[in-house]
Amino acid sequence: MPDTETQTHSSTLHISQTDRTTARRSILCTVERFQGNRLRILASERIAAGTAVSVEHDDALLLGEVVYVAEQTTSWALEIRVEQMLNGLMSLMALRARLLEETPAPAPVAQPVSR
């Protein structure tokens, strides 16, 4: 992905689960600009600043946090500080799905060794 992108492209914004009562959601969005570590998108609903999100764009998965929200005429402009950009989206989506479905295994209990 180039350092500066000004064309608009349809993408998907994923909102991470914040607690056990909040479901993970996906929202269609439009990428307006990507410059440095800042991504500006237009979304159909307001997402609070401080929310952890991931954005599927082209063949990349961008992970970050919403740092700025502004209401537009028919949408919400969100600025996301990108923490990581991962390429090879199809394999990453499969990995993410597996990781989200997995629950940590209980820690093994130490057993005394018999002599």
C-alpha atoms as a PDB file:
ATOM      1  CA  MET A   1       0.000   0.000   0.000  1.00  0.00           C
ATOM      2  CA  PRO A   2       1.510   3.368  -0.927  1.00  0.00           C
ATOM      3  CA  ASP A   3       2.387   5.863   1.787  1.00  0.00           C
ATOM      4  CA  THR A   4      -0.256   8.316   0.588  1.00  0.00           C
ATOM      5  CA  GLU A   5      -3.516   7.180  -0.932  1.00  0.00           C
ATOM      6  CA  THR A   6      -6.250   9.627  -1.873  1.00  0.00           C
ATOM      7  CA  GLN A   7      -8.557   7.431  -3.963  1.00  0.00           C
ATOM      8  CA  THR A   8     -11.551   5.909  -2.241  1.00  0.00           C
ATOM      9  CA  HIS A   9     -11.902   2.133  -1.935  1.00  0.00           C
ATOM     10  CA  SER A  10     -14.514  -0.031  -0.248  1.00  0.00           C
ATOM     11  CA  SER A  11     -13.151  -1.860   2.761  1.00  0.00           C
ATOM     12  CA  THR A  12     -14.401  -3.540   5.916  1.00  0.00           C
ATOM     13  CA  LEU A  13     -13.971  -2.149   9.420  1.00  0.00           C
ATOM     14  CA  HIS A  14     -14.011  -4.687  12.265  1.00  0.00           C
ATOM     15  CA  ILE A  15     -14.688  -3.540  15.797  1.00  0.00           C
ATOM     16  CA  SER A  16     -13.046  -5.689  18.412  1.00  0.00           C
ATOM     17  CA  GLN A  17     -15.035  -7.209  21.235  1.00  0.00           C
ATOM     18  CA  THR A  18     -14.507  -4.982  24.271  1.00  0.00           C
ATOM     19  CA  ASP A  19     -16.095  -7.207  26.880  1.00  0.00           C
ATOM     20  CA  ARG A  20     -18.227 -10.323  27.132  1.00  0.00           C
ATOM     21  CA  THR A  21     -21.461  -8.358  26.519  1.00  0.00           C
ATOM     22  CA  THR A  22     -20.265  -6.587  23.346  1.00  0.00           C
ATOM     23  CA  ALA A  23     -20.333  -8.608  20.144  1.00  0.00           C
ATOM     24  CA  ARG A  24     -17.664  -8.196  17.497  1.00  0.00           C
ATOM     25  CA  ARG A  25     -19.077  -6.214  14.552  1.00  0.00           C
ATOM     26  CA  SER A  26     -18.158  -5.555  10.933  1.00  0.00           C
ATOM     27  CA  ILE A  27     -19.059  -2.359   9.055  1.00  0.00           C
ATOM     28  CA  LEU A  28     -18.523  -1.492   5.407  1.00  0.00           C
ATOM     29  CA  CYS A  29     -16.403   1.621   5.068  1.00  0.00           C
ATOM     30  CA  THR A  30     -14.533   3.667   2.500  1.00  0.00           C
ATOM     31  CA  VAL A  31     -10.828   4.388   2.794  1.00  0.00           C
ATOM     32  CA  GLU A  32     -10.192   8.032   1.979  1.00  0.00           C
ATOM     33  CA  ARG A  33      -6.524   8.402   2.780  1.00  0.00           C
ATOM     34  CA  PHE A  34      -3.591   6.471   4.225  1.00  0.00           C
ATOM     35  CA  GLN A  35      -0.549   8.530   5.136  1.00  0.00           C
ATOM     36  CA  GLY A  36       2.237   7.553   7.507  1.00  0.00           C
ATOM     37  CA  ASN A  37       0.556   5.640  10.308  1.00  0.00           C
ATOM     38  CA  ARG A  38      -2.814   7.422   9.926  1.00  0.00           C
ATOM     39  CA  LEU A  39      -5.775   5.958   8.074  1.00  0.00           C
ATOM     40  CA  ARG A  40      -8.868   8.080   7.370  1.00  0.00           C
ATOM     41  CA  ILE A  41     -12.079   6.226   6.574  1.00  0.00           C
ATOM     42  CA  LEU A  42     -15.758   7.031   6.171  1.00  0.00           C
ATOM     43  CA  ALA A  43     -18.151   4.730   8.026  1.00  0.00           C
ATOM     44  CA  SER A  44     -21.921   4.585   8.292  1.00  0.00           C
ATOM     45  CA  GLU A  45     -21.913   4.723  12.077  1.00  0.00           C
ATOM     46  CA  ARG A  46     -20.014   6.445  14.860  1.00  0.00           C
ATOM     47  CA  ILE A  47     -17.213   4.499  16.518  1.00  0.00           C
ATOM     48  CA  ALA A  48     -15.875   5.960  19.752  1.00  0.00           C
ATOM     49  CA  ALA A  49     -12.320   7.242  19.973  1.00  0.00           C
ATOM     50  CA  GLY A  50     -10.141   4.702  21.765  1.00  0.00           C
ATOM     51  CA  THR A  51     -11.865   1.714  20.125  1.00  0.00           C
ATOM     52  CA  ALA A  52      -9.540  -1.018  18.859  1.00  0.00           C
ATOM     53  CA  VAL A  53     -10.320  -1.822  15.225  1.00  0.00           C
ATOM     54  CA  SER A  54      -9.005  -3.704  12.230  1.00  0.00           C
ATOM     55  CA  VAL A  55      -9.555  -2.685   8.622  1.00  0.00           C
ATOM     56  CA  GLU A  56      -9.438  -5.057   5.658  1.00  0.00           C
ATOM     57  CA  HIS A  57      -8.167  -3.031   2.718  1.00  0.00           C
ATOM     58  CA  ASP A  58      -6.863  -4.434  -0.577  1.00  0.00           C
ATOM     59  CA  ASP A  59      -4.683  -7.386   0.483  1.00  0.00           C
ATOM     60  CA  ALA A  60      -3.783  -6.001   3.906  1.00  0.00           C
ATOM     61  CA  LEU A  61      -5.123  -6.089   7.433  1.00  0.00           C
ATOM     62  CA  LEU A  62      -4.542  -2.836   9.311  1.00  0.00           C
ATOM     63  CA  LEU A  63      -4.716  -2.992  13.108  1.00  0.00           C
ATOM     64  CA  GLY A  64      -5.084   0.137  15.189  1.00  0.00           C
ATOM     65  CA  GLU A  65      -7.146   2.468  17.327  1.00  0.00           C
ATOM     66  CA  VAL A  66      -9.684   5.164  16.491  1.00  0.00           C
ATOM     67  CA  VAL A  67      -8.143   8.502  17.511  1.00  0.00           C
ATOM     68  CA  TYR A  68     -10.527  11.023  15.922  1.00  0.00           C
ATOM     69  CA  VAL A  69     -14.227  11.008  14.992  1.00  0.00           C
ATOM     70  CA  ALA A  70     -16.115  13.696  13.055  1.00  0.00           C
ATOM     71  CA  GLU A  71     -19.689  13.682  11.808  1.00  0.00           C
ATOM     72  CA  GLN A  72     -20.052  14.240   8.061  1.00  0.00           C
ATOM     73  CA  THR A  73     -23.250  14.889   6.104  1.00  0.00           C
ATOM     74  CA  THR A  74     -24.155  11.221   5.583  1.00  0.00           C
ATOM     75  CA  SER A  75     -21.379   9.357   7.393  1.00  0.00           C
ATOM     76  CA  TRP A  76     -18.729   9.482  10.101  1.00  0.00           C
ATOM     77  CA  ALA A  77     -15.090  10.296   9.357  1.00  0.00           C
ATOM     78  CA  LEU A  78     -12.743   8.210  11.482  1.00  0.00           C
ATOM     79  CA  GLU A  79      -9.020   8.626  11.817  1.00  0.00           C
ATOM     80  CA  ILE A  80      -7.225   5.480  12.896  1.00  0.00           C
ATOM     81  CA  ARG A  81      -3.681   5.304  14.236  1.00  0.00           C
ATOM     82  CA  VAL A  82      -2.347   2.155  12.575  1.00  0.00           C
ATOM     83  CA  GLU A  83      -0.201   0.040  14.882  1.00  0.00           C
ATOM     84  CA  GLN A  84       0.413  -2.864  12.492  1.00  0.00           C
ATOM     85  CA  MET A  85      -0.093  -3.568   8.825  1.00  0.00           C
ATOM     86  CA  LEU A  86      -0.182  -7.213   7.807  1.00  0.00           C
ATOM     87  CA  ASN A  87      -0.068  -8.395   4.190  1.00  0.00           C
ATOM     88  CA  GLY A  88      -1.437 -11.637   2.697  1.00  0.00           C
ATOM     89  CA  LEU A  89      -4.995 -10.945   3.828  1.00  0.00           C
ATOM     90  CA  MET A  90      -6.590 -14.291   2.937  1.00  0.00           C
ATOM     91  CA  SER A  91      -4.206 -16.318   5.108  1.00  0.00           C
ATOM     92  CA  LEU A  92      -4.384 -13.678   7.853  1.00  0.00           C
ATOM     93  CA  MET A  93      -8.200 -13.809   7.894  1.00  0.00           C
ATOM     94  CA  ALA A  94      -8.077 -17.576   8.384  1.00  0.00           C
ATOM     95  CA  LEU A  95      -5.557 -17.178  11.212  1.00  0.00           C
ATOM     96  CA  ARG A  96      -7.615 -14.426  12.869  1.00  0.00           C
ATOM     97  CA  ALA A  97     -10.769 -16.572  12.705  1.00  0.00           C
ATOM     98  CA  ARG A  98      -8.969 -19.484  14.343  1.00  0.00           C
ATOM     99  CA  LEU A  99      -7.498 -17.263  17.061  1.00  0.00           C
ATOM    100  CA  LEU A 100     -10.848 -15.644  17.858  1.00  0.00           C
ATOM    101  CA  GLU A 101     -12.520 -19.048  18.160  1.00  0.00           C
ATOM    102  CA  GLU A 102      -9.844 -20.563  20.365  1.00  0.00           C
ATOM    103  CA  THR A 103     -10.014 -20.302  24.114  1.00  0.00           C
ATOM    104  CA  PRO A 104      -6.867 -20.594  26.161  1.00  0.00           C
ATOM    105  CA  ALA A 105      -6.213 -24.102  27.409  1.00  0.00           C
ATOM    106  CA  PRO A 106      -6.110 -24.477  31.165  1.00  0.00           C
ATOM    107  CA  ALA A 107      -2.641 -24.443  32.628  1.00  0.00           C
ATOM    108  CA  PRO A 108      -1.304 -27.931  33.312  1.00  0.00           C
ATOM    109  CA  VAL A 109      -1.324 -29.001  36.943  1.00  0.00           C
ATOM    110  CA  ALA A 110       2.035 -30.097  38.245  1.00  0.00           C
ATOM    111  CA  GLN A 111       1.978 -33.715  39.359  1.00  0.00           C
ATOM    112  CA  PRO A 112       4.504 -35.080  41.825  1.00  0.00           C
ATOM    113  CA  VAL A 113       6.859 -37.605  40.320  1.00  0.00           C
ATOM    114  CA  SER A 114       6.560 -40.999  42.037  1.00  0.00           C
ATOM    115  CA  ARG A 115       9.717 -42.963  42.736  1.00  0.00           C
END
